[in-house]
Amino acid sequence: MILCKVIGTLVATQKDRELRPAKLLIVKPINLDGSFRNEREIIVIDTQDAGEGDMVLVAQEGAVVEQVMQSDKVPANTIVMAVVDGFDVLER
């Protein structure tokens, strides 16, 4: 899973039938300190009601998308698994 921040929403006037029940978001991977990583933005399916500015956990695995969306016909491989309220990092 990847820790990301929601930076926008994606609006589509027409979507594949399997994507219609879900909202699409634009996220960017972040470091544990909240700074953006030097990686590309990702378009994800949102089933957790995340919004702009939220920190989220994103899975990039087609099988996970199939399980969460309860369909093997979803044309996507990234999905929001959780909205992160906070976390602690233990130093070693």
C-alpha atoms as a PDB file:
ATOM      1  CA  MET A   1       0.000   0.000   0.000  1.00  0.00           C
ATOM      2  CA  ILE A   2       1.035   3.577  -0.620  1.00  0.00           C
ATOM      3  CA  LEU A   3       0.449   6.568   1.649  1.00  0.00           C
ATOM      4  CA  CYS A   4      -0.968   9.404  -0.465  1.00  0.00           C
ATOM      5  CA  LYS A   5      -2.682  12.775  -0.238  1.00  0.00           C
ATOM      6  CA  VAL A   6      -5.803  13.577  -2.253  1.00  0.00           C
ATOM      7  CA  ILE A   7      -5.023  16.549  -4.497  1.00  0.00           C
ATOM      8  CA  GLY A   8      -8.147  16.605  -6.639  1.00  0.00           C
ATOM      9  CA  THR A   9     -11.163  14.883  -8.080  1.00  0.00           C
ATOM     10  CA  LEU A  10     -11.683  13.535 -11.559  1.00  0.00           C
ATOM     11  CA  VAL A  11     -15.035  14.214 -13.196  1.00  0.00           C
ATOM     12  CA  ALA A  12     -16.093  12.091 -16.165  1.00  0.00           C
ATOM     13  CA  THR A  13     -19.339  12.614 -18.036  1.00  0.00           C
ATOM     14  CA  GLN A  14     -19.182   9.004 -19.177  1.00  0.00           C
ATOM     15  CA  LYS A  15     -17.631   6.095 -17.302  1.00  0.00           C
ATOM     16  CA  ASP A  16     -17.399   2.377 -17.739  1.00  0.00           C
ATOM     17  CA  ARG A  17     -20.452   0.733 -16.180  1.00  0.00           C
ATOM     18  CA  GLU A  18     -18.311  -0.915 -13.482  1.00  0.00           C
ATOM     19  CA  LEU A  19     -16.929   2.482 -12.389  1.00  0.00           C
ATOM     20  CA  ARG A  20     -20.267   4.320 -12.169  1.00  0.00           C
ATOM     21  CA  PRO A  21     -20.896   3.647  -8.447  1.00  0.00           C
ATOM     22  CA  ALA A  22     -17.477   5.014  -7.464  1.00  0.00           C
ATOM     23  CA  LYS A  23     -15.911   8.446  -7.227  1.00  0.00           C
ATOM     24  CA  LEU A  24     -12.521   8.980  -8.912  1.00  0.00           C
ATOM     25  CA  LEU A  25      -9.775  10.925  -7.151  1.00  0.00           C
ATOM     26  CA  ILE A  26      -6.315  12.213  -8.031  1.00  0.00           C
ATOM     27  CA  VAL A  27      -3.724  11.413  -5.367  1.00  0.00           C
ATOM     28  CA  LYS A  28       0.003  11.965  -4.967  1.00  0.00           C
ATOM     29  CA  PRO A  29       2.309   9.733  -2.881  1.00  0.00           C
ATOM     30  CA  ILE A  30       3.710  11.325   0.289  1.00  0.00           C
ATOM     31  CA  ASN A  31       6.528  10.648   2.735  1.00  0.00           C
ATOM     32  CA  LEU A  32       5.881   9.950   6.415  1.00  0.00           C
ATOM     33  CA  ASP A  33       6.534  13.630   7.197  1.00  0.00           C
ATOM     34  CA  GLY A  34       3.715  14.634   4.825  1.00  0.00           C
ATOM     35  CA  SER A  35       5.937  15.985   2.052  1.00  0.00           C
ATOM     36  CA  PHE A  36       5.193  14.917  -1.517  1.00  0.00           C
ATOM     37  CA  ARG A  37       7.386  12.210  -3.022  1.00  0.00           C
ATOM     38  CA  ASN A  38       8.948  12.778  -6.406  1.00  0.00           C
ATOM     39  CA  GLU A  39       6.458  10.487  -8.151  1.00  0.00           C
ATOM     40  CA  ARG A  40       3.591  10.933 -10.575  1.00  0.00           C
ATOM     41  CA  GLU A  41       0.017  11.526  -9.554  1.00  0.00           C
ATOM     42  CA  ILE A  42      -2.309   8.512  -9.512  1.00  0.00           C
ATOM     43  CA  ILE A  43      -5.995   8.265 -10.420  1.00  0.00           C
ATOM     44  CA  VAL A  44      -7.787   6.020  -7.920  1.00  0.00           C
ATOM     45  CA  ILE A  45     -11.246   4.621  -7.262  1.00  0.00           C
ATOM     46  CA  ASP A  46     -12.643   5.970  -3.981  1.00  0.00           C
ATOM     47  CA  THR A  47     -15.089   3.869  -1.988  1.00  0.00           C
ATOM     48  CA  GLN A  48     -14.168   5.431   1.378  1.00  0.00           C
ATOM     49  CA  ASP A  49     -15.593   8.935   0.812  1.00  0.00           C
ATOM     50  CA  ALA A  50     -12.200  10.655   0.893  1.00  0.00           C
ATOM     51  CA  GLY A  51     -11.926  14.295  -0.063  1.00  0.00           C
ATOM     52  CA  GLU A  52      -9.360  16.830  -1.183  1.00  0.00           C
ATOM     53  CA  GLY A  53      -6.582  17.194   1.380  1.00  0.00           C
ATOM     54  CA  ASP A  54      -7.227  13.809   3.033  1.00  0.00           C
ATOM     55  CA  MET A  55      -4.392  11.377   3.659  1.00  0.00           C
ATOM     56  CA  VAL A  56      -5.281   7.934   2.267  1.00  0.00           C
ATOM     57  CA  LEU A  57      -3.892   4.427   1.887  1.00  0.00           C
ATOM     58  CA  VAL A  58      -3.949   3.296  -1.738  1.00  0.00           C
ATOM     59  CA  ALA A  59      -3.640  -0.284  -2.976  1.00  0.00           C
ATOM     60  CA  GLN A  60      -2.223  -0.839  -6.452  1.00  0.00           C
ATOM     61  CA  GLU A  61      -3.363  -4.368  -7.117  1.00  0.00           C
ATOM     62  CA  GLY A  62      -6.064  -5.496  -9.516  1.00  0.00           C
ATOM     63  CA  ALA A  63      -7.162  -8.378  -7.277  1.00  0.00           C
ATOM     64  CA  VAL A  64      -7.785  -5.962  -4.389  1.00  0.00           C
ATOM     65  CA  VAL A  65      -9.917  -3.738  -6.633  1.00  0.00           C
ATOM     66  CA  GLU A  66     -11.919  -6.775  -7.739  1.00  0.00           C
ATOM     67  CA  GLN A  67     -12.573  -7.804  -4.119  1.00  0.00           C
ATOM     68  CA  VAL A  68     -13.568  -4.363  -2.888  1.00  0.00           C
ATOM     69  CA  MET A  69     -15.722  -3.557  -5.924  1.00  0.00           C
ATOM     70  CA  GLN A  70     -17.109  -7.138  -5.934  1.00  0.00           C
ATOM     71  CA  SER A  71     -16.533  -7.478  -9.663  1.00  0.00           C
ATOM     72  CA  ASP A  72     -13.820  -8.949 -11.849  1.00  0.00           C
ATOM     73  CA  LYS A  73     -14.737  -6.536 -14.658  1.00  0.00           C
ATOM     74  CA  VAL A  74     -13.549  -3.251 -13.089  1.00  0.00           C
ATOM     75  CA  PRO A  75     -11.054  -1.674 -15.522  1.00  0.00           C
ATOM     76  CA  ALA A  76      -8.729  -0.317 -12.816  1.00  0.00           C
ATOM     77  CA  ASN A  77      -5.955  -1.422 -10.500  1.00  0.00           C
ATOM     78  CA  THR A  78      -5.801   1.344  -7.860  1.00  0.00           C
ATOM     79  CA  ILE A  79      -8.243   1.964  -5.032  1.00  0.00           C
ATOM     80  CA  VAL A  80      -8.459   3.901  -1.774  1.00  0.00           C
ATOM     81  CA  MET A  81      -8.454   1.389   1.086  1.00  0.00           C
ATOM     82  CA  ALA A  82      -8.619   3.816   4.029  1.00  0.00           C
ATOM     83  CA  VAL A  83      -8.763   7.466   5.018  1.00  0.00           C
ATOM     84  CA  VAL A  84      -5.883   7.967   7.464  1.00  0.00           C
ATOM     85  CA  ASP A  85      -6.701  10.035  10.542  1.00  0.00           C
ATOM     86  CA  GLY A  86      -3.197   9.814  11.957  1.00  0.00           C
ATOM     87  CA  PHE A  87      -0.251   7.517  12.607  1.00  0.00           C
ATOM     88  CA  ASP A  88       2.786   7.126  14.849  1.00  0.00           C
ATOM     89  CA  VAL A  89       6.243   6.148  13.682  1.00  0.00           C
ATOM     90  CA  LEU A  90       8.435   4.339  16.203  1.00  0.00           C
ATOM     91  CA  GLU A  91      12.100   5.217  15.890  1.00  0.00           C
ATOM     92  CA  ARG A  92      14.641   2.426  16.259  1.00  0.00           C
END
